[in-house]
Amino acid sequence: MEVEITLRETIKPSSSTPPSKRILKLSLLDQFTPVCYTSLILFYPASVNQDHSVTLTERCQQLKISLSETLTHFYPLAGRLKDNASIECDDQGGEYIEARIKCLLSKFLVTPEAELLKQLLPAAIESGEAATGSMLLVQANIFDCGGMAIGVCVSHKIADAATLTTFVKCWSGSAHKSTEVISPLFMGASIFPDMDLTFTRPSSVELMQGECATKRFVFDSAKIRMLKAKAAGESVAAPTRVEAVSALIWKCAMAASRSNLGAHRKSVWSLSVNLRKRLAPPLPENYAGNCVGSILAHMEDAEVELRDLVGLIRRGNQEFDENYAKKLQRDGSSKAICGFAKQFEELAMSTDIDFYNCSSWCKFQLYEADFGWGKPAWLSIASTSIKNVLLLIDTRDAAGIEAWLTLSEEDMALFECNKELLEFATLNPSVSLSELHL
């Protein structure tokens, strides 16, 4: 796929950040977040719900103007990371890129390969630029047919998936002149005060990188109903979509690892959860920054049923609320966060445990992102070089799940052929543009 960069421009906030907001203190949760980007790609076909009187040039101009307006609300994204405790909100701006893609969008979506998707993003997910350069980068990709893919990279130091969602909603709302634009609340340091973390510690992100393969597996709504029925048991009579899909992928990943090693190893499943609604009182949905914890489920047995794994994930969820979420609402929140961060890193870096890290972006309603020319036909992430990572995201109808899984090349070769997996999931199906009803 040929990609031609046609424009690089710095977009600054439409209004200057006041002196009182020039330094944003990071929360303790932000401090423990690795330096990388939270990324997303939104795909818009040329032929759906589109005002053909508006040229591509005008659409790109609309993106830039609304991005400038949005940066007034998301002013830290126009600044630079000062250190591991603060952002200097000095209105340097975010990076905006335009690119021509020598390909039809419909052809690209026949087999949307993870490696090709990387070219639609303005930076690699693990890029060190997240620490030294722009906190926000956007790449507007124009296909030969007039279709568009908008790649967004936001520094993970100030944005988890929920914050990225708020940003996209704010930006798209500004672009189509919505009266219900949601502004972020940067209040993290007042909820989770920062600490002196100047000591040197190895990055689990760096240690977990290696030769990996990323594949997309799609579970449609009908197959998920079947999977939930199979995964139901005495301990969990009605599994959620995420629990059922997570348990199946965990089971098949363990089987692949066991076959390649010739022996069974202990396994830990980590499922990231949004803390905003788990605290009492709950934090607002537009709380900006990192507000994530992780459910941990441990498995030591070699042979296990799907329903047992669902039970472990559900139990981990309950224990998380009891042992961690409640502590965050008391005076010992800093101690709880530091203790969990240490435990998480030890598990992630362990050489005798298979550690799987899952994030769910389900129910974030990213398919509502209308910049003025209709809702996206599809959205995706790009591949990562960190093994044993899974991201779950809604299908377009909000009833199915797309699973983006990264494993070692050896484990993936066995995983993608697993018969139990393929009973419920389809490996990288084409994205159809003819079925859109937006």
Protein backbone atom coordinates (compact mmCIF):
# COMPACT_ATOMS: atom_id res chain seq x y z
CA MET A 1 0.00 0.00 0.00
CA GLU A 2 1.45 3.33 -1.07
CA VAL A 3 1.09 6.19 1.41
CA GLU A 4 2.03 9.73 0.44
CA ILE A 5 2.24 12.37 3.17
CA THR A 6 0.91 15.59 1.65
CA LEU A 7 0.72 17.87 4.68
CA ARG A 8 2.20 18.27 8.15
CA GLU A 9 0.85 21.05 10.29
CA THR A 10 0.78 22.03 13.95
CA ILE A 11 -2.72 22.71 15.28
CA LYS A 12 -2.90 24.98 18.31
CA PRO A 13 -5.89 25.63 20.59
CA SER A 14 -8.31 28.23 19.24
CA SER A 15 -8.04 30.06 22.59
CA SER A 16 -4.94 30.41 24.74
CA THR A 17 -4.73 28.37 27.90
CA PRO A 18 -4.96 30.71 30.91
CA PRO A 19 -1.88 31.00 33.18
CA SER A 20 -3.73 29.26 36.02
CA LYS A 21 -3.88 26.07 33.95
CA ARG A 22 -0.36 26.11 32.57
CA ILE A 23 0.85 23.22 34.74
CA LEU A 24 -1.31 20.11 35.04
CA LYS A 25 -0.29 17.75 37.80
CA LEU A 26 -0.67 14.11 36.86
CA SER A 27 -2.47 11.67 39.11
CA LEU A 28 -0.72 8.69 40.69
CA LEU A 29 -2.53 6.44 38.19
CA ASP A 30 -1.13 8.58 35.34
CA GLN A 31 2.35 8.29 36.79
CA PHE A 32 2.27 4.49 36.74
CA THR A 33 0.99 4.42 33.16
CA PRO A 34 3.71 3.51 30.63
CA VAL A 35 4.86 6.02 28.04
CA CYS A 36 3.05 5.08 24.82
CA TYR A 37 0.04 6.15 22.78
CA THR A 38 -3.61 5.22 23.08
CA SER A 39 -4.66 4.89 19.42
CA LEU A 40 -7.73 4.51 17.24
CA ILE A 41 -8.58 4.54 13.52
CA LEU A 42 -12.06 5.57 12.28
CA PHE A 43 -13.11 4.68 8.72
CA TYR A 44 -15.60 6.74 6.69
CA PRO A 45 -16.69 5.60 3.19
CA ALA A 46 -17.20 8.17 0.46
CA SER A 47 -20.70 7.09 -0.47
CA VAL A 48 -22.70 6.92 2.77
CA ASN A 49 -24.78 9.81 4.13
CA GLN A 50 -22.41 12.30 2.64
CA ASP A 51 -22.98 15.78 1.29
CA HIS A 52 -21.23 15.51 -2.09
CA SER A 53 -21.14 19.29 -2.39
CA VAL A 54 -18.49 19.34 0.35
CA THR A 55 -15.05 18.65 -1.13
CA LEU A 56 -12.32 16.63 0.52
CA THR A 57 -10.34 19.83 0.98
CA GLU A 58 -13.26 21.38 2.85
CA ARG A 59 -13.65 18.28 5.00
CA CYS A 60 -10.01 18.36 5.98
CA GLN A 61 -10.31 22.05 6.77
CA GLN A 62 -13.31 21.23 8.94
CA LEU A 63 -11.24 18.64 10.79
CA LYS A 64 -8.48 21.15 11.48
CA ILE A 65 -10.77 23.95 12.66
CA SER A 66 -12.74 21.68 14.97
CA LEU A 67 -9.51 20.11 16.25
CA SER A 68 -8.26 23.56 17.21
CA GLU A 69 -11.54 24.23 19.03
CA THR A 70 -11.33 20.88 20.80
CA LEU A 71 -7.78 21.54 22.00
CA THR A 72 -9.13 24.52 23.93
CA HIS A 73 -11.00 22.02 26.10
CA PHE A 74 -8.26 19.35 25.96
CA TYR A 75 -5.50 21.89 26.57
CA PRO A 76 -2.99 19.37 28.08
CA LEU A 77 -2.90 17.59 24.69
CA ALA A 78 -1.47 20.79 23.19
CA GLY A 79 1.32 20.80 25.78
CA ARG A 80 4.32 18.61 26.47
CA LEU A 81 5.18 16.15 29.21
CA LYS A 82 7.38 18.06 31.67
CA ASP A 83 8.29 15.09 33.87
CA ASN A 84 6.56 12.03 35.30
CA ALA A 85 4.42 14.24 37.53
CA SER A 86 3.21 17.07 35.29
CA ILE A 87 2.36 18.38 31.85
CA GLU A 88 3.32 21.87 30.74
CA CYS A 89 0.21 23.18 28.99
CA ASP A 90 1.97 25.76 26.84
CA ASP A 91 -0.17 25.57 23.68
CA GLN A 92 2.58 24.14 21.48
CA GLY A 93 -0.18 22.23 19.73
CA GLY A 94 -0.86 18.81 18.32
CA GLU A 95 0.47 17.37 15.08
CA TYR A 96 -1.91 17.11 12.12
CA ILE A 97 -0.98 15.05 9.06
CA GLU A 98 -2.75 14.46 5.75
CA ALA A 99 -1.92 11.44 3.63
CA ARG A 100 -3.04 10.06 0.28
CA ILE A 101 -3.60 6.32 0.20
CA LYS A 102 -3.13 4.82 -3.27
CA CYS A 103 -5.91 2.30 -2.79
CA LEU A 104 -9.70 2.04 -2.65
CA LEU A 105 -11.15 1.90 0.85
CA SER A 106 -13.38 -1.03 -0.13
CA LYS A 107 -10.32 -2.98 -1.31
CA PHE A 108 -8.39 -2.13 1.85
CA LEU A 109 -11.23 -3.48 4.00
CA VAL A 110 -11.42 -6.83 2.17
CA THR A 111 -8.56 -8.04 4.36
CA PRO A 112 -7.69 -5.33 6.91
CA GLU A 113 -4.21 -6.45 7.92
CA ALA A 114 -2.79 -5.26 11.23
CA GLU A 115 0.57 -4.27 9.73
CA LEU A 116 -1.08 -2.11 7.05
CA LEU A 117 -3.26 -0.41 9.66
CA LYS A 118 -0.08 0.92 11.29
CA GLN A 119 0.49 3.12 8.23
CA LEU A 120 -2.79 4.93 8.90
CA LEU A 121 -1.60 6.11 12.32
CA PRO A 122 0.68 9.13 12.77
CA ALA A 123 2.91 7.31 15.28
CA ALA A 124 3.64 3.81 16.53
CA ILE A 125 1.82 2.86 19.72
CA GLU A 126 5.11 2.29 21.59
CA SER A 127 6.80 5.42 20.18
CA GLY A 128 9.08 7.29 22.58
CA GLU A 129 7.69 10.50 21.10
CA ALA A 130 4.87 10.13 23.63
CA ALA A 131 7.40 11.25 26.27
CA THR A 132 9.31 13.90 24.34
CA GLY A 133 7.02 15.19 21.59
CA SER A 134 3.38 15.82 20.81
CA MET A 135 0.78 14.52 23.23
CA LEU A 136 -1.66 14.37 20.32
CA LEU A 137 -1.14 13.33 16.70
CA VAL A 138 -3.83 13.01 14.03
CA GLN A 139 -3.53 11.58 10.53
CA ALA A 140 -6.32 12.14 7.99
CA ASN A 141 -5.92 9.44 5.33
CA ILE A 142 -7.66 10.04 1.98
CA PHE A 143 -8.24 6.97 -0.19
CA ASP A 144 -8.47 7.13 -3.99
CA CYS A 145 -12.25 6.67 -3.80
CA GLY A 146 -12.69 9.67 -1.50
CA GLY A 147 -13.12 7.52 1.61
CA MET A 148 -11.31 8.64 4.73
CA ALA A 149 -9.62 7.01 7.71
CA ILE A 150 -8.84 9.21 10.70
CA GLY A 151 -5.96 7.90 12.83
CA VAL A 152 -5.65 9.34 16.34
CA CYS A 153 -2.79 8.93 18.82
CA VAL A 154 -3.12 10.39 22.32
CA SER A 155 -0.43 10.07 24.97
CA HIS A 156 -1.38 7.33 27.42
CA LYS A 157 0.09 9.49 30.19
CA ILE A 158 -3.10 11.57 30.15
CA ALA A 159 -5.58 9.38 28.28
CA ASP A 160 -7.04 5.94 28.83
CA ALA A 161 -9.67 4.53 26.46
CA ALA A 162 -12.49 6.44 28.17
CA THR A 163 -10.58 9.73 27.81
CA LEU A 164 -9.85 8.98 24.16
CA THR A 165 -13.58 8.39 23.69
CA THR A 166 -14.43 11.72 25.31
CA PHE A 167 -11.88 13.42 23.04
CA VAL A 168 -13.33 11.86 19.88
CA LYS A 169 -16.89 12.78 20.96
CA CYS A 170 -15.83 16.35 21.72
CA TRP A 171 -13.96 16.70 18.42
CA SER A 172 -16.67 15.18 16.24
CA GLY A 173 -19.32 17.19 18.08
CA SER A 174 -17.41 20.39 17.41
CA ALA A 175 -16.97 19.42 13.74
CA HIS A 176 -20.69 19.05 13.08
CA LYS A 177 -21.63 21.99 15.33
CA SER A 178 -23.38 19.95 17.99
CA THR A 179 -24.87 21.83 20.93
CA GLU A 180 -24.00 18.91 23.25
CA VAL A 181 -20.21 18.97 23.13
CA ILE A 182 -18.75 17.18 26.18
CA SER A 183 -15.82 18.91 27.85
CA PRO A 184 -13.26 16.94 29.89
CA LEU A 185 -12.57 17.32 33.60
CA PHE A 186 -8.86 17.26 34.44
CA MET A 187 -9.04 16.61 38.18
CA GLY A 188 -6.97 13.45 38.60
CA ALA A 189 -4.35 14.82 40.99
CA SER A 190 -7.06 15.92 43.41
CA ILE A 191 -8.51 12.39 43.48
CA PHE A 192 -5.27 10.36 43.32
CA PRO A 193 -2.43 12.68 44.44
CA ASP A 194 0.93 12.23 42.74
CA MET A 195 4.02 10.89 44.51
CA ASP A 196 7.77 11.11 44.08
CA LEU A 197 8.47 8.23 41.70
CA THR A 198 11.92 9.32 40.61
CA PHE A 199 13.42 5.89 41.31
CA THR A 200 14.47 3.92 38.25
CA ARG A 201 12.46 0.85 37.41
CA PRO A 202 12.43 -1.30 34.25
CA SER A 203 9.53 -0.84 31.89
CA SER A 204 7.30 -3.90 31.65
CA VAL A 205 6.27 -2.64 28.20
CA GLU A 206 9.88 -2.88 26.97
CA LEU A 207 10.45 -6.27 28.58
CA MET A 208 7.28 -7.73 27.07
CA GLN A 209 8.11 -6.74 23.50
CA GLY A 210 9.26 -9.33 20.99
CA GLU A 211 8.47 -11.08 17.72
CA CYS A 212 4.69 -11.09 17.75
CA ALA A 213 1.70 -11.56 15.49
CA THR A 214 -1.56 -9.60 15.80
CA LYS A 215 -4.78 -11.06 14.43
CA ARG A 216 -8.43 -9.95 14.40
CA PHE A 217 -11.20 -12.33 15.40
CA VAL A 218 -14.86 -11.33 15.07
CA PHE A 219 -17.64 -12.77 17.23
CA ASP A 220 -21.04 -11.85 15.78
CA SER A 221 -24.12 -11.52 17.98
CA ALA A 222 -25.51 -14.97 17.14
CA LYS A 223 -22.23 -16.73 17.95
CA ILE A 224 -21.90 -14.74 21.19
CA ARG A 225 -25.32 -15.96 22.31
CA MET A 226 -24.15 -19.53 21.68
CA LEU A 227 -20.86 -18.89 23.45
CA LYS A 228 -22.58 -17.38 26.51
CA ALA A 229 -24.83 -20.45 26.74
CA LYS A 230 -21.80 -22.77 26.62
CA ALA A 231 -19.89 -20.69 29.17
CA ALA A 232 -22.74 -20.55 31.69
CA GLY A 233 -22.37 -22.65 34.83
CA GLU A 234 -23.35 -22.88 38.47
CA SER A 235 -21.08 -20.04 39.58
CA VAL A 236 -22.02 -17.72 36.69
CA ALA A 237 -25.46 -18.43 35.26
CA ALA A 238 -25.44 -15.51 32.82
CA PRO A 239 -21.95 -14.52 31.61
CA THR A 240 -21.49 -11.14 29.96
CA ARG A 241 -20.22 -10.82 26.38
CA VAL A 242 -16.80 -9.78 27.63
CA GLU A 243 -16.58 -12.60 30.18
CA ALA A 244 -17.51 -15.27 27.63
CA VAL A 245 -15.18 -14.03 24.89
CA SER A 246 -12.33 -13.44 27.36
CA ALA A 247 -12.66 -16.93 28.80
CA LEU A 248 -12.62 -18.58 25.37
CA ILE A 249 -9.57 -16.64 24.20
CA TRP A 250 -7.78 -17.34 27.49
CA LYS A 251 -8.52 -21.06 27.20
CA CYS A 252 -7.29 -21.26 23.60
CA ALA A 253 -4.19 -19.17 24.34
CA MET A 254 -3.27 -21.47 27.23
CA ALA A 255 -3.69 -24.49 24.94
CA ALA A 256 -1.37 -22.94 22.34
CA SER A 257 1.25 -22.12 24.98
CA ARG A 258 1.04 -25.61 26.46
CA SER A 259 1.49 -27.26 23.06
CA ASN A 260 4.52 -25.15 22.18
CA LEU A 261 6.21 -25.58 25.56
CA GLY A 262 5.33 -29.23 25.95
CA ALA A 263 4.25 -28.45 29.51
CA HIS A 264 1.64 -26.46 31.39
CA ARG A 265 2.52 -23.19 33.14
CA LYS A 266 0.59 -21.07 35.57
CA SER A 267 -1.52 -18.47 33.80
CA VAL A 268 -2.89 -15.08 34.85
CA TRP A 269 -5.65 -13.20 33.04
CA SER A 270 -5.71 -9.44 33.60
CA LEU A 271 -8.83 -7.56 32.52
CA SER A 272 -8.68 -3.75 32.65
CA VAL A 273 -11.74 -2.04 34.07
CA ASN A 274 -12.94 1.54 34.19
CA LEU A 275 -12.80 2.78 37.78
CA ARG A 276 -15.05 5.80 37.23
CA LYS A 277 -18.29 3.99 38.00
CA ARG A 278 -16.79 1.68 40.63
CA LEU A 279 -15.96 4.40 43.13
CA ALA A 280 -18.46 5.79 45.62
CA PRO A 281 -19.52 8.37 44.72
CA PRO A 282 -18.74 7.56 41.07
CA LEU A 283 -16.52 9.90 39.09
CA PRO A 284 -18.07 11.68 36.09
CA GLU A 285 -17.74 9.94 32.72
CA ASN A 286 -15.83 12.93 31.36
CA TYR A 287 -13.15 12.60 34.07
CA ALA A 288 -10.02 12.87 31.92
CA GLY A 289 -6.83 10.96 32.56
CA ASN A 290 -6.11 7.38 33.51
CA CYS A 291 -8.71 5.82 35.75
CA VAL A 292 -8.22 2.11 35.21
CA GLY A 293 -7.65 -0.92 37.39
CA SER A 294 -7.18 -4.59 36.52
CA ILE A 295 -9.10 -7.69 37.51
CA LEU A 296 -6.70 -10.58 38.03
CA ALA A 297 -7.72 -14.22 37.55
CA HIS A 298 -5.24 -17.03 38.27
CA MET A 299 -5.25 -20.50 36.73
CA GLU A 300 -2.92 -23.33 37.76
CA ASP A 301 -4.71 -26.42 36.38
CA ALA A 302 -3.69 -27.88 33.03
CA GLU A 303 -7.19 -28.83 31.86
CA VAL A 304 -10.09 -26.51 32.50
CA GLU A 305 -13.63 -25.96 31.26
CA LEU A 306 -14.83 -22.70 29.76
CA ARG A 307 -17.34 -22.17 32.55
CA ASP A 308 -14.53 -22.49 35.12
CA LEU A 309 -12.58 -19.66 33.50
CA VAL A 310 -15.71 -17.49 33.43
CA GLY A 311 -16.09 -18.20 37.13
CA LEU A 312 -12.49 -17.17 37.81
CA ILE A 313 -12.93 -13.90 35.90
CA ARG A 314 -16.19 -13.14 37.74
CA ARG A 315 -14.58 -13.94 41.10
CA GLY A 316 -11.61 -11.73 40.21
CA ASN A 317 -14.07 -8.94 39.47
CA GLN A 318 -15.72 -9.30 42.87
CA GLU A 319 -12.38 -9.48 44.68
CA PHE A 320 -11.19 -6.40 42.81
CA ASP A 321 -14.12 -4.36 44.11
CA GLU A 322 -13.64 -5.66 47.64
CA ASN A 323 -9.85 -5.54 47.91
CA TYR A 324 -8.85 -2.65 45.66
CA ALA A 325 -11.66 -0.34 44.57
CA LYS A 326 -12.85 0.20 48.14
CA LYS A 327 -9.32 1.03 49.31
CA LEU A 328 -9.12 3.80 46.70
CA GLN A 329 -11.88 5.64 48.52
CA ARG A 330 -10.01 5.77 51.82
CA ASP A 331 -6.83 7.41 53.08
CA GLY A 332 -4.76 4.46 51.92
CA SER A 333 -5.42 4.98 48.20
CA SER A 334 -1.78 5.79 47.37
CA LYS A 335 -0.55 2.67 49.16
CA ALA A 336 -3.17 0.56 47.35
CA ILE A 337 -2.20 1.94 43.93
CA CYS A 338 1.54 1.43 44.55
CA GLY A 339 0.96 -2.08 45.85
CA PHE A 340 -1.16 -3.09 42.88
CA ALA A 341 1.29 -1.53 40.40
CA LYS A 342 4.11 -3.56 41.94
CA GLN A 343 2.04 -6.76 41.81
CA PHE A 344 1.00 -6.13 38.20
CA GLU A 345 4.57 -5.48 37.07
CA GLU A 346 5.93 -8.56 38.83
CA LEU A 347 3.33 -10.72 37.09
CA ALA A 348 3.93 -9.09 33.71
CA MET A 349 7.70 -9.57 33.98
CA SER A 350 7.59 -13.11 35.37
CA THR A 351 9.37 -15.72 33.27
CA ASP A 352 7.45 -18.70 34.67
CA ILE A 353 3.90 -17.37 34.25
CA ASP A 354 1.86 -16.77 31.09
CA PHE A 355 0.45 -13.30 31.72
CA TYR A 356 -2.37 -12.09 29.45
CA ASN A 357 -3.44 -8.45 29.48
CA CYS A 358 -6.95 -7.71 28.20
CA SER A 359 -8.66 -4.34 27.71
CA SER A 360 -12.31 -3.93 26.79
CA TRP A 361 -13.49 -0.89 24.85
CA CYS A 362 -17.01 -2.26 24.57
CA LYS A 363 -19.91 0.16 25.22
CA PHE A 364 -17.80 3.26 24.56
CA GLN A 365 -20.08 4.18 21.60
CA LEU A 366 -17.21 5.18 19.31
CA TYR A 367 -19.39 4.37 16.30
CA GLU A 368 -21.30 7.58 17.08
CA ALA A 369 -18.35 9.75 15.97
CA ASP A 370 -19.91 11.84 13.18
CA PHE A 371 -17.69 14.67 11.93
CA GLY A 372 -20.39 15.93 9.61
CA TRP A 373 -20.37 13.25 6.91
CA GLY A 374 -21.92 10.27 8.67
CA LYS A 375 -20.90 7.72 11.27
CA PRO A 376 -17.88 5.46 10.78
CA ALA A 377 -18.28 2.27 8.78
CA TRP A 378 -15.63 0.60 10.90
CA LEU A 379 -13.07 1.37 13.56
CA SER A 380 -9.94 -0.44 14.60
CA ILE A 381 -6.66 -0.32 16.42
CA ALA A 382 -3.23 -1.18 15.05
CA SER A 383 -0.90 -3.98 16.08
CA THR A 384 1.45 -3.80 19.02
CA SER A 385 4.81 -5.47 19.60
CA ILE A 386 3.81 -6.50 23.13
CA LYS A 387 2.85 -10.15 23.36
CA ASN A 388 -0.19 -11.61 25.14
CA VAL A 389 -2.26 -8.47 24.71
CA LEU A 390 -5.96 -8.47 23.82
CA LEU A 391 -8.28 -5.58 22.99
CA LEU A 392 -12.04 -6.09 22.72
CA ILE A 393 -14.17 -3.58 20.86
CA ASP A 394 -17.81 -3.49 19.76
CA THR A 395 -18.85 -4.46 16.26
CA ARG A 396 -20.80 -1.87 14.30
CA ASP A 397 -24.17 -3.20 15.55
CA ALA A 398 -22.92 -3.00 19.18
CA ALA A 399 -24.00 -6.63 19.73
CA GLY A 400 -20.86 -8.47 18.61
CA ILE A 401 -17.21 -8.14 19.58
CA GLU A 402 -14.02 -7.71 17.56
CA ALA A 403 -11.02 -9.16 19.35
CA TRP A 404 -7.53 -7.94 18.46
CA LEU A 405 -5.04 -10.40 19.90
CA THR A 406 -1.23 -10.27 19.94
CA LEU A 407 0.68 -13.44 20.75
CA SER A 408 4.13 -14.77 20.02
CA GLU A 409 4.32 -16.00 16.43
CA GLU A 410 4.56 -19.60 17.62
CA ASP A 411 1.49 -19.37 19.87
CA MET A 412 -0.54 -17.51 17.24
CA ALA A 413 0.15 -20.22 14.64
CA LEU A 414 -1.63 -22.72 16.89
CA PHE A 415 -4.21 -20.35 18.35
CA GLU A 416 -5.72 -19.27 15.03
CA CYS A 417 -6.37 -22.92 14.10
CA ASN A 418 -8.08 -23.86 17.36
CA LYS A 419 -11.36 -25.64 16.50
CA GLU A 420 -13.19 -24.49 19.62
CA LEU A 421 -12.24 -20.88 18.89
CA LEU A 422 -13.33 -21.08 15.23
CA GLU A 423 -16.68 -22.53 16.30
CA PHE A 424 -17.53 -19.03 17.56
CA ALA A 425 -15.10 -16.60 15.89
CA THR A 426 -14.26 -15.66 12.31
CA LEU A 427 -10.65 -14.82 11.51
CA ASN A 428 -10.38 -11.34 9.99
CA PRO A 429 -13.56 -11.20 7.88
CA SER A 430 -14.04 -8.46 5.30
CA VAL A 431 -15.66 -5.21 6.39
CA SER A 432 -18.69 -4.69 4.20
CA LEU A 433 -19.62 -1.16 3.13
CA SER A 434 -22.79 -2.24 1.28
CA GLU A 435 -24.66 -3.09 4.51
CA LEU A 436 -24.32 0.33 6.09
CA HIS A 437 -27.44 1.98 7.47
CA LEU A 438 -26.05 4.99 9.27
